[in-house]
Amino acid sequence: MFRILVYDVQVSRVSKVRRYLSDKLFWTQNSTFEGFLSEPQKTIVLQQLSSFLDPEEDSILVFSTEADYSWEKRMIGIEK
């Protein structure tokens, strides 16, 4: 399944989250990654992320769709 993962974490954890996610998904913008993850892979990624996040200060939002062509993606400005 195609996933878009957006995170909002404290500055002290940003590099750790980015490093972890860059092994699993493609970095598309600050705090945004996208790519294909199965349901079990998504579960593992979220479990691993939750091990070093603070649920009182940090948040992760995951959008899922069957395929990346299910919606239109439009980039304005510099693509990362």
C-alpha atoms as a PDB file:
ATOM      1  CA  MET A   1       0.000   0.000   0.000  1.00  0.00           C
ATOM      2  CA  PHE A   2       1.244   3.511  -0.774  1.00  0.00           C
ATOM      3  CA  ARG A   3       1.832   5.591   2.371  1.00  0.00           C
ATOM      4  CA  ILE A   4       2.547   9.222   3.105  1.00  0.00           C
ATOM      5  CA  LEU A   5       3.985   9.721   6.561  1.00  0.00           C
ATOM      6  CA  VAL A   6       4.145  13.189   8.103  1.00  0.00           C
ATOM      7  CA  TYR A   7       5.750  13.824  11.454  1.00  0.00           C
ATOM      8  CA  ASP A   8       5.855  16.695  13.904  1.00  0.00           C
ATOM      9  CA  VAL A   9       8.452  16.007  16.585  1.00  0.00           C
ATOM     10  CA  GLN A  10      10.598  18.016  18.944  1.00  0.00           C
ATOM     11  CA  VAL A  11      13.784  19.392  17.386  1.00  0.00           C
ATOM     12  CA  SER A  12      15.940  17.058  19.478  1.00  0.00           C
ATOM     13  CA  ARG A  13      14.351  14.017  17.770  1.00  0.00           C
ATOM     14  CA  VAL A  14      14.041  15.239  14.172  1.00  0.00           C
ATOM     15  CA  SER A  15      17.357  13.832  12.913  1.00  0.00           C
ATOM     16  CA  LYS A  16      16.731  10.449  14.523  1.00  0.00           C
ATOM     17  CA  VAL A  17      13.252  10.189  12.963  1.00  0.00           C
ATOM     18  CA  ARG A  18      14.525  11.337   9.553  1.00  0.00           C
ATOM     19  CA  ARG A  19      17.422   8.872   9.619  1.00  0.00           C
ATOM     20  CA  TYR A  20      15.135   5.986  10.558  1.00  0.00           C
ATOM     21  CA  LEU A  21      12.505   6.799   7.942  1.00  0.00           C
ATOM     22  CA  SER A  22      15.040   7.366   5.152  1.00  0.00           C
ATOM     23  CA  ASP A  23      15.793   3.620   5.254  1.00  0.00           C
ATOM     24  CA  LYS A  24      12.099   2.772   4.776  1.00  0.00           C
ATOM     25  CA  LEU A  25      10.556   5.502   2.590  1.00  0.00           C
ATOM     26  CA  PHE A  26      11.509   8.361   0.259  1.00  0.00           C
ATOM     27  CA  TRP A  27      12.023  11.801   1.771  1.00  0.00           C
ATOM     28  CA  THR A  28       9.869  14.251  -0.201  1.00  0.00           C
ATOM     29  CA  GLN A  29       9.731  17.350   2.006  1.00  0.00           C
ATOM     30  CA  ASN A  30      10.678  18.464   5.484  1.00  0.00           C
ATOM     31  CA  SER A  31       8.921  16.062   7.850  1.00  0.00           C
ATOM     32  CA  THR A  32       7.307  14.142   4.964  1.00  0.00           C
ATOM     33  CA  PHE A  33       8.121  10.708   3.575  1.00  0.00           C
ATOM     34  CA  GLU A  34       6.296   8.566   1.048  1.00  0.00           C
ATOM     35  CA  GLY A  35       6.506   5.097  -0.456  1.00  0.00           C
ATOM     36  CA  PHE A  36       5.119   1.598  -0.400  1.00  0.00           C
ATOM     37  CA  LEU A  37       4.762  -0.272   2.892  1.00  0.00           C
ATOM     38  CA  SER A  38       2.665  -3.347   3.503  1.00  0.00           C
ATOM     39  CA  GLU A  39       0.427  -3.399   6.565  1.00  0.00           C
ATOM     40  CA  PRO A  40       2.958  -5.473   8.576  1.00  0.00           C
ATOM     41  CA  GLN A  41       5.788  -3.148   7.491  1.00  0.00           C
ATOM     42  CA  LYS A  42       3.745  -0.103   8.531  1.00  0.00           C
ATOM     43  CA  THR A  43       3.094  -1.671  11.922  1.00  0.00           C
ATOM     44  CA  ILE A  44       6.810  -2.306  12.453  1.00  0.00           C
ATOM     45  CA  VAL A  45       7.766   1.215  11.367  1.00  0.00           C
ATOM     46  CA  LEU A  46       5.235   2.798  13.721  1.00  0.00           C
ATOM     47  CA  GLN A  47       6.299   0.546  16.608  1.00  0.00           C
ATOM     48  CA  GLN A  48       9.946   1.450  16.047  1.00  0.00           C
ATOM     49  CA  LEU A  49       9.149   5.159  15.804  1.00  0.00           C
ATOM     50  CA  SER A  50       7.055   5.098  18.950  1.00  0.00           C
ATOM     51  CA  SER A  51      10.011   3.687  20.869  1.00  0.00           C
ATOM     52  CA  PHE A  52      11.853   7.002  20.618  1.00  0.00           C
ATOM     53  CA  LEU A  53       8.973   9.499  20.409  1.00  0.00           C
ATOM     54  CA  ASP A  54       7.196  11.285  23.222  1.00  0.00           C
ATOM     55  CA  PRO A  55       3.405  10.921  22.757  1.00  0.00           C
ATOM     56  CA  GLU A  56       2.892  14.062  24.842  1.00  0.00           C
ATOM     57  CA  GLU A  57       4.975  16.204  22.444  1.00  0.00           C
ATOM     58  CA  ASP A  58       5.271  14.391  19.103  1.00  0.00           C
ATOM     59  CA  SER A  59       2.865  13.207  16.441  1.00  0.00           C
ATOM     60  CA  ILE A  60       2.885  11.091  13.290  1.00  0.00           C
ATOM     61  CA  LEU A  61       0.219  11.123  10.618  1.00  0.00           C
ATOM     62  CA  VAL A  62      -0.031   8.302   8.044  1.00  0.00           C
ATOM     63  CA  PHE A  63      -2.106   8.539   4.866  1.00  0.00           C
ATOM     64  CA  SER A  64      -2.702   5.272   2.997  1.00  0.00           C
ATOM     65  CA  THR A  65      -4.020   4.401  -0.444  1.00  0.00           C
ATOM     66  CA  GLU A  66      -3.959   1.345  -2.664  1.00  0.00           C
ATOM     67  CA  ALA A  67      -1.643   3.009  -5.192  1.00  0.00           C
ATOM     68  CA  ASP A  68       0.287   6.235  -5.615  1.00  0.00           C
ATOM     69  CA  TYR A  69      -1.759   7.111  -8.714  1.00  0.00           C
ATOM     70  CA  SER A  70      -5.006   7.207  -6.703  1.00  0.00           C
ATOM     71  CA  TRP A  71      -4.615  10.934  -6.186  1.00  0.00           C
ATOM     72  CA  GLU A  72      -2.945  13.844  -7.904  1.00  0.00           C
ATOM     73  CA  LYS A  73       0.329  15.098  -6.501  1.00  0.00           C
ATOM     74  CA  ARG A  74       1.360  18.602  -7.487  1.00  0.00           C
ATOM     75  CA  MET A  75       4.710  20.111  -6.517  1.00  0.00           C
ATOM     76  CA  ILE A  76       5.278  23.851  -6.526  1.00  0.00           C
ATOM     77  CA  GLY A  77       8.833  25.022  -5.993  1.00  0.00           C
ATOM     78  CA  ILE A  78      11.950  22.940  -5.416  1.00  0.00           C
ATOM     79  CA  GLU A  79      11.510  19.186  -5.362  1.00  0.00           C
ATOM     80  CA  LYS A  80      13.701  17.518  -2.743  1.00  0.00           C
END
